[in-house]
Amino acid sequence: MHSKPMLVVVSGPPGTGKTTLAHRIATAIGCPAICRDEIKEGMAHATPGFVPGPGDPLTMRTLSTFFDVIGLLIGRGTTVVAEAAFQDRLWTPGLSPLLTRAELRIVHCTVPAEVALERITNRTGSDPRRAAHEDNQISPEARMRTHNAFQPVDLPVPTLTLDTTEHPDLEQVLKFLSR
């Protein structure tokens, strides 16, 4: 048994299945899943006329809100699954203050770039919530470059790298989390 709440970070490039996996993990272990994109989608509801773009004010507020919510829950002793497509440069400053307050585990999702691009294209056309994001403003070439240059979270904590091209084995993830 852990003496501190667990913080399970699900990370990886866009289109790697992070949100789906984060919700599966949270359901399996019985805790909330805090997903950065879902926070932004909720904030967009309260911002009439919002148009997403690189570095827009709502996106910047989403970053701090995401880490505030995680910190609040961890501070109250709540195990949390946190999911975002942040690269190391954004995760590390947000997570470092929590290293002494939570048992941190990282699940890094990977898929080939072509699979990620296909997933992004499919969800952009079929999910109206994606209007809160700049999915349509990023060219396929830029997406491929971003995917291939993605810098995973690099903290001195247990990390599982998982190919999420197919539905990943949840039992493998749960076994990793129970160590």
C-alpha atoms as a PDB file:
ATOM      1  CA  MET A   1       0.000   0.000   0.000  1.00  0.00           C
ATOM      2  CA  HIS A   2       1.242   3.495  -0.825  1.00  0.00           C
ATOM      3  CA  SER A   3       1.645   6.055   1.962  1.00  0.00           C
ATOM      4  CA  LYS A   4       0.918   8.905  -0.471  1.00  0.00           C
ATOM      5  CA  PRO A   5      -1.625   9.243  -3.256  1.00  0.00           C
ATOM      6  CA  MET A   6      -0.501   8.015  -6.655  1.00  0.00           C
ATOM      7  CA  LEU A   7      -0.220  10.365  -9.607  1.00  0.00           C
ATOM      8  CA  VAL A   8      -0.358   8.451 -12.875  1.00  0.00           C
ATOM      9  CA  VAL A   9       0.814  10.636 -15.746  1.00  0.00           C
ATOM     10  CA  VAL A  10      -0.343   9.509 -19.186  1.00  0.00           C
ATOM     11  CA  SER A  11       1.658  11.340 -21.805  1.00  0.00           C
ATOM     12  CA  GLY A  12       2.707  11.131 -25.430  1.00  0.00           C
ATOM     13  CA  PRO A  13       2.230  12.973 -28.707  1.00  0.00           C
ATOM     14  CA  PRO A  14      -1.259  13.918 -29.923  1.00  0.00           C
ATOM     15  CA  GLY A  15      -3.201  11.007 -31.395  1.00  0.00           C
ATOM     16  CA  THR A  16      -1.549   8.257 -29.357  1.00  0.00           C
ATOM     17  CA  GLY A  17      -4.675   7.259 -27.415  1.00  0.00           C
ATOM     18  CA  LYS A  18      -3.774   8.952 -24.135  1.00  0.00           C
ATOM     19  CA  THR A  19      -7.255  10.139 -23.177  1.00  0.00           C
ATOM     20  CA  THR A  20      -8.838   6.755 -23.834  1.00  0.00           C
ATOM     21  CA  LEU A  21      -6.131   5.003 -21.831  1.00  0.00           C
ATOM     22  CA  ALA A  22      -6.270   7.564 -19.003  1.00  0.00           C
ATOM     23  CA  HIS A  23     -10.002   6.987 -18.554  1.00  0.00           C
ATOM     24  CA  ARG A  24      -9.548   3.201 -18.653  1.00  0.00           C
ATOM     25  CA  ILE A  25      -6.827   3.387 -15.970  1.00  0.00           C
ATOM     26  CA  ALA A  26      -8.862   5.759 -13.781  1.00  0.00           C
ATOM     27  CA  THR A  27     -11.905   3.483 -13.978  1.00  0.00           C
ATOM     28  CA  ALA A  28      -9.804   0.409 -13.164  1.00  0.00           C
ATOM     29  CA  ILE A  29      -8.141   1.918 -10.082  1.00  0.00           C
ATOM     30  CA  GLY A  30     -11.125   4.023  -8.972  1.00  0.00           C
ATOM     31  CA  CYS A  31      -9.953   7.606  -9.217  1.00  0.00           C
ATOM     32  CA  PRO A  32     -10.533  10.729 -11.321  1.00  0.00           C
ATOM     33  CA  ALA A  33      -8.926  11.265 -14.719  1.00  0.00           C
ATOM     34  CA  ILE A  34      -7.869  14.873 -15.229  1.00  0.00           C
ATOM     35  CA  CYS A  35      -7.400  15.497 -18.939  1.00  0.00           C
ATOM     36  CA  ARG A  36      -5.956  18.753 -20.202  1.00  0.00           C
ATOM     37  CA  ASP A  37      -8.050  18.814 -23.386  1.00  0.00           C
ATOM     38  CA  GLU A  38     -11.261  18.228 -21.422  1.00  0.00           C
ATOM     39  CA  ILE A  39     -10.430  21.166 -19.150  1.00  0.00           C
ATOM     40  CA  LYS A  40      -9.842  23.362 -22.202  1.00  0.00           C
ATOM     41  CA  GLU A  41     -13.110  22.205 -23.777  1.00  0.00           C
ATOM     42  CA  GLY A  42     -14.946  23.133 -20.576  1.00  0.00           C
ATOM     43  CA  MET A  43     -13.268  26.536 -20.464  1.00  0.00           C
ATOM     44  CA  ALA A  44     -14.177  27.173 -24.119  1.00  0.00           C
ATOM     45  CA  HIS A  45     -17.875  26.814 -23.188  1.00  0.00           C
ATOM     46  CA  ALA A  46     -17.539  29.886 -20.978  1.00  0.00           C
ATOM     47  CA  THR A  47     -15.697  31.904 -23.631  1.00  0.00           C
ATOM     48  CA  PRO A  48     -18.153  32.949 -26.363  1.00  0.00           C
ATOM     49  CA  GLY A  49     -16.507  33.437 -29.734  1.00  0.00           C
ATOM     50  CA  PHE A  50     -13.310  31.670 -28.686  1.00  0.00           C
ATOM     51  CA  VAL A  51     -11.038  30.870 -31.620  1.00  0.00           C
ATOM     52  CA  PRO A  52      -8.107  28.570 -30.825  1.00  0.00           C
ATOM     53  CA  GLY A  53      -4.630  29.473 -31.971  1.00  0.00           C
ATOM     54  CA  PRO A  54      -1.010  29.044 -30.982  1.00  0.00           C
ATOM     55  CA  GLY A  55      -0.470  30.553 -27.542  1.00  0.00           C
ATOM     56  CA  ASP A  56      -4.013  31.912 -27.224  1.00  0.00           C
ATOM     57  CA  PRO A  57      -4.971  33.136 -23.713  1.00  0.00           C
ATOM     58  CA  LEU A  58      -7.363  30.237 -23.057  1.00  0.00           C
ATOM     59  CA  THR A  59      -4.684  27.682 -23.853  1.00  0.00           C
ATOM     60  CA  MET A  60      -2.299  29.435 -21.454  1.00  0.00           C
ATOM     61  CA  ARG A  61      -4.942  29.436 -18.663  1.00  0.00           C
ATOM     62  CA  THR A  62      -5.631  25.768 -19.322  1.00  0.00           C
ATOM     63  CA  LEU A  63      -2.021  24.850 -18.484  1.00  0.00           C
ATOM     64  CA  SER A  64      -2.126  26.451 -15.026  1.00  0.00           C
ATOM     65  CA  THR A  65      -5.658  25.197 -14.346  1.00  0.00           C
ATOM     66  CA  PHE A  66      -4.617  21.641 -15.199  1.00  0.00           C
ATOM     67  CA  PHE A  67      -1.734  21.657 -12.721  1.00  0.00           C
ATOM     68  CA  ASP A  68      -3.802  23.534 -10.088  1.00  0.00           C
ATOM     69  CA  VAL A  69      -6.493  20.818 -10.195  1.00  0.00           C
ATOM     70  CA  ILE A  70      -3.909  18.028  -9.960  1.00  0.00           C
ATOM     71  CA  GLY A  71      -2.139  19.762  -7.066  1.00  0.00           C
ATOM     72  CA  LEU A  72      -5.412  20.321  -5.216  1.00  0.00           C
ATOM     73  CA  LEU A  73      -6.457  16.668  -5.526  1.00  0.00           C
ATOM     74  CA  ILE A  74      -3.014  15.294  -4.608  1.00  0.00           C
ATOM     75  CA  GLY A  75      -2.885  17.724  -1.669  1.00  0.00           C
ATOM     76  CA  ARG A  76      -6.177  16.298  -0.419  1.00  0.00           C
ATOM     77  CA  GLY A  77      -4.858  12.732  -0.643  1.00  0.00           C
ATOM     78  CA  THR A  78      -6.566  11.769  -3.895  1.00  0.00           C
ATOM     79  CA  THR A  79      -4.994   9.381  -6.378  1.00  0.00           C
ATOM     80  CA  VAL A  80      -5.226  10.930  -9.845  1.00  0.00           C
ATOM     81  CA  VAL A  81      -4.640   9.984 -13.468  1.00  0.00           C
ATOM     82  CA  ALA A  82      -3.405  13.091 -15.321  1.00  0.00           C
ATOM     83  CA  GLU A  83      -3.305  13.164 -19.115  1.00  0.00           C
ATOM     84  CA  ALA A  84      -1.902  15.670 -21.594  1.00  0.00           C
ATOM     85  CA  ALA A  85       0.208  15.812 -24.735  1.00  0.00           C
ATOM     86  CA  PHE A  86       2.751  17.994 -22.953  1.00  0.00           C
ATOM     87  CA  GLN A  87       6.382  17.486 -23.709  1.00  0.00           C
ATOM     88  CA  ASP A  88       8.982  17.309 -20.927  1.00  0.00           C
ATOM     89  CA  ARG A  89       9.520  21.101 -20.880  1.00  0.00           C
ATOM     90  CA  LEU A  90       5.911  21.596 -19.661  1.00  0.00           C
ATOM     91  CA  TRP A  91       5.438  18.455 -17.569  1.00  0.00           C
ATOM     92  CA  THR A  92       8.605  18.723 -15.485  1.00  0.00           C
ATOM     93  CA  PRO A  93       7.960  22.210 -14.008  1.00  0.00           C
ATOM     94  CA  GLY A  94       4.354  21.257 -13.229  1.00  0.00           C
ATOM     95  CA  LEU A  95       5.155  17.856 -11.755  1.00  0.00           C
ATOM     96  CA  SER A  96       8.378  18.579  -9.853  1.00  0.00           C
ATOM     97  CA  PRO A  97       6.597  20.209  -6.874  1.00  0.00           C
ATOM     98  CA  LEU A  98       4.439  17.068  -6.572  1.00  0.00           C
ATOM     99  CA  LEU A  99       7.325  14.577  -6.391  1.00  0.00           C
ATOM    100  CA  THR A 100       7.375  14.676  -2.583  1.00  0.00           C
ATOM    101  CA  ARG A 101       3.567  14.632  -2.260  1.00  0.00           C
ATOM    102  CA  ALA A 102       2.652  11.732  -4.558  1.00  0.00           C
ATOM    103  CA  GLU A 103       3.880   8.384  -5.812  1.00  0.00           C
ATOM    104  CA  LEU A 104       4.465   9.361  -9.434  1.00  0.00           C
ATOM    105  CA  ARG A 105       4.252   6.891 -12.317  1.00  0.00           C
ATOM    106  CA  ILE A 106       4.524   7.766 -16.000  1.00  0.00           C
ATOM    107  CA  VAL A 107       2.821   5.893 -18.815  1.00  0.00           C
ATOM    108  CA  HIS A 108       4.242   7.114 -22.124  1.00  0.00           C
ATOM    109  CA  CYS A 109       2.056   6.311 -25.145  1.00  0.00           C
ATOM    110  CA  THR A 110       3.552   5.747 -28.575  1.00  0.00           C
ATOM    111  CA  VAL A 111       2.255   4.970 -32.056  1.00  0.00           C
ATOM    112  CA  PRO A 112       3.768   5.435 -35.507  1.00  0.00           C
ATOM    113  CA  ALA A 113       3.343   9.020 -36.742  1.00  0.00           C
ATOM    114  CA  GLU A 114       1.014   7.892 -39.539  1.00  0.00           C
ATOM    115  CA  VAL A 115      -1.359   6.274 -37.020  1.00  0.00           C
ATOM    116  CA  ALA A 116      -1.404   9.428 -34.871  1.00  0.00           C
ATOM    117  CA  LEU A 117      -2.125  11.626 -37.888  1.00  0.00           C
ATOM    118  CA  GLU A 118      -4.994   9.390 -39.009  1.00  0.00           C
ATOM    119  CA  ARG A 119      -6.508   9.453 -35.507  1.00  0.00           C
ATOM    120  CA  ILE A 120      -6.250  13.244 -35.288  1.00  0.00           C
ATOM    121  CA  THR A 121      -7.861  13.648 -38.715  1.00  0.00           C
ATOM    122  CA  ASN A 122     -10.714  11.287 -37.787  1.00  0.00           C
ATOM    123  CA  ARG A 123     -11.518  12.912 -34.442  1.00  0.00           C
ATOM    124  CA  THR A 124     -11.276  16.451 -35.844  1.00  0.00           C
ATOM    125  CA  GLY A 125     -13.999  15.643 -38.347  1.00  0.00           C
ATOM    126  CA  SER A 126     -16.242  13.671 -36.000  1.00  0.00           C
ATOM    127  CA  ASP A 127     -15.975  15.307 -32.552  1.00  0.00           C
ATOM    128  CA  PRO A 128     -17.432  18.831 -32.225  1.00  0.00           C
ATOM    129  CA  ARG A 129     -15.556  19.332 -28.927  1.00  0.00           C
ATOM    130  CA  ARG A 130     -12.353  19.469 -30.957  1.00  0.00           C
ATOM    131  CA  ALA A 131     -13.364  22.999 -32.064  1.00  0.00           C
ATOM    132  CA  ALA A 132     -11.730  24.193 -28.810  1.00  0.00           C
ATOM    133  CA  HIS A 133      -8.373  23.041 -30.161  1.00  0.00           C
ATOM    134  CA  GLU A 134      -6.255  24.147 -33.071  1.00  0.00           C
ATOM    135  CA  ASP A 135      -6.372  20.742 -34.786  1.00  0.00           C
ATOM    136  CA  ASN A 136      -7.441  22.181 -38.161  1.00  0.00           C
ATOM    137  CA  GLN A 137      -4.756  24.876 -38.081  1.00  0.00           C
ATOM    138  CA  ILE A 138      -1.813  22.486 -38.016  1.00  0.00           C
ATOM    139  CA  SER A 139      -0.692  21.000 -41.304  1.00  0.00           C
ATOM    140  CA  PRO A 140      -0.069  17.254 -41.589  1.00  0.00           C
ATOM    141  CA  GLU A 141       3.619  17.987 -42.232  1.00  0.00           C
ATOM    142  CA  ALA A 142       3.895  20.061 -39.048  1.00  0.00           C
ATOM    143  CA  ARG A 143       2.079  17.318 -37.098  1.00  0.00           C
ATOM    144  CA  MET A 144       4.571  14.737 -38.366  1.00  0.00           C
ATOM    145  CA  ARG A 145       7.517  16.932 -37.348  1.00  0.00           C
ATOM    146  CA  THR A 146       6.023  17.524 -33.888  1.00  0.00           C
ATOM    147  CA  HIS A 147       5.292  13.833 -33.439  1.00  0.00           C
ATOM    148  CA  ASN A 148       8.807  12.801 -34.415  1.00  0.00           C
ATOM    149  CA  ALA A 149      10.450  15.457 -32.228  1.00  0.00           C
ATOM    150  CA  PHE A 150       8.296  14.761 -29.136  1.00  0.00           C
ATOM    151  CA  GLN A 151      10.295  14.845 -25.878  1.00  0.00           C
ATOM    152  CA  PRO A 152       8.778  12.453 -23.292  1.00  0.00           C
ATOM    153  CA  VAL A 153       8.565  13.312 -19.606  1.00  0.00           C
ATOM    154  CA  ASP A 154      12.015  12.792 -18.114  1.00  0.00           C
ATOM    155  CA  LEU A 155      11.762  12.497 -14.351  1.00  0.00           C
ATOM    156  CA  PRO A 156      13.466   9.974 -12.033  1.00  0.00           C
ATOM    157  CA  VAL A 157      10.298   7.920 -11.508  1.00  0.00           C
ATOM    158  CA  PRO A 158       9.042   4.556 -12.791  1.00  0.00           C
ATOM    159  CA  THR A 159       8.064   4.844 -16.461  1.00  0.00           C
ATOM    160  CA  LEU A 160       6.249   2.457 -18.774  1.00  0.00           C
ATOM    161  CA  THR A 161       6.458   3.038 -22.527  1.00  0.00           C
ATOM    162  CA  LEU A 162       3.451   1.511 -24.220  1.00  0.00           C
ATOM    163  CA  ASP A 163       2.620   1.059 -27.899  1.00  0.00           C
ATOM    164  CA  THR A 164      -1.029   2.099 -28.122  1.00  0.00           C
ATOM    165  CA  THR A 165      -1.564   1.290 -31.809  1.00  0.00           C
ATOM    166  CA  GLU A 166      -3.986  -1.425 -30.686  1.00  0.00           C
ATOM    167  CA  HIS A 167      -5.865  -1.429 -27.387  1.00  0.00           C
ATOM    168  CA  PRO A 168      -3.054  -1.750 -24.842  1.00  0.00           C
ATOM    169  CA  ASP A 169      -3.141  -4.491 -22.246  1.00  0.00           C
ATOM    170  CA  LEU A 170      -4.670  -2.789 -19.200  1.00  0.00           C
ATOM    171  CA  GLU A 171      -3.452  -5.616 -16.946  1.00  0.00           C
ATOM    172  CA  GLN A 172       0.144  -4.771 -17.958  1.00  0.00           C
ATOM    173  CA  VAL A 173      -0.436  -1.138 -16.964  1.00  0.00           C
ATOM    174  CA  LEU A 174      -2.075  -2.078 -13.657  1.00  0.00           C
ATOM    175  CA  LYS A 175       0.795  -4.429 -12.836  1.00  0.00           C
ATOM    176  CA  PHE A 176       3.250  -1.595 -13.533  1.00  0.00           C
ATOM    177  CA  LEU A 177       1.272   0.739 -11.267  1.00  0.00           C
ATOM    178  CA  SER A 178       1.207  -1.748  -8.385  1.00  0.00           C
ATOM    179  CA  ARG A 179       5.014  -1.883  -8.088  1.00  0.00           C
END
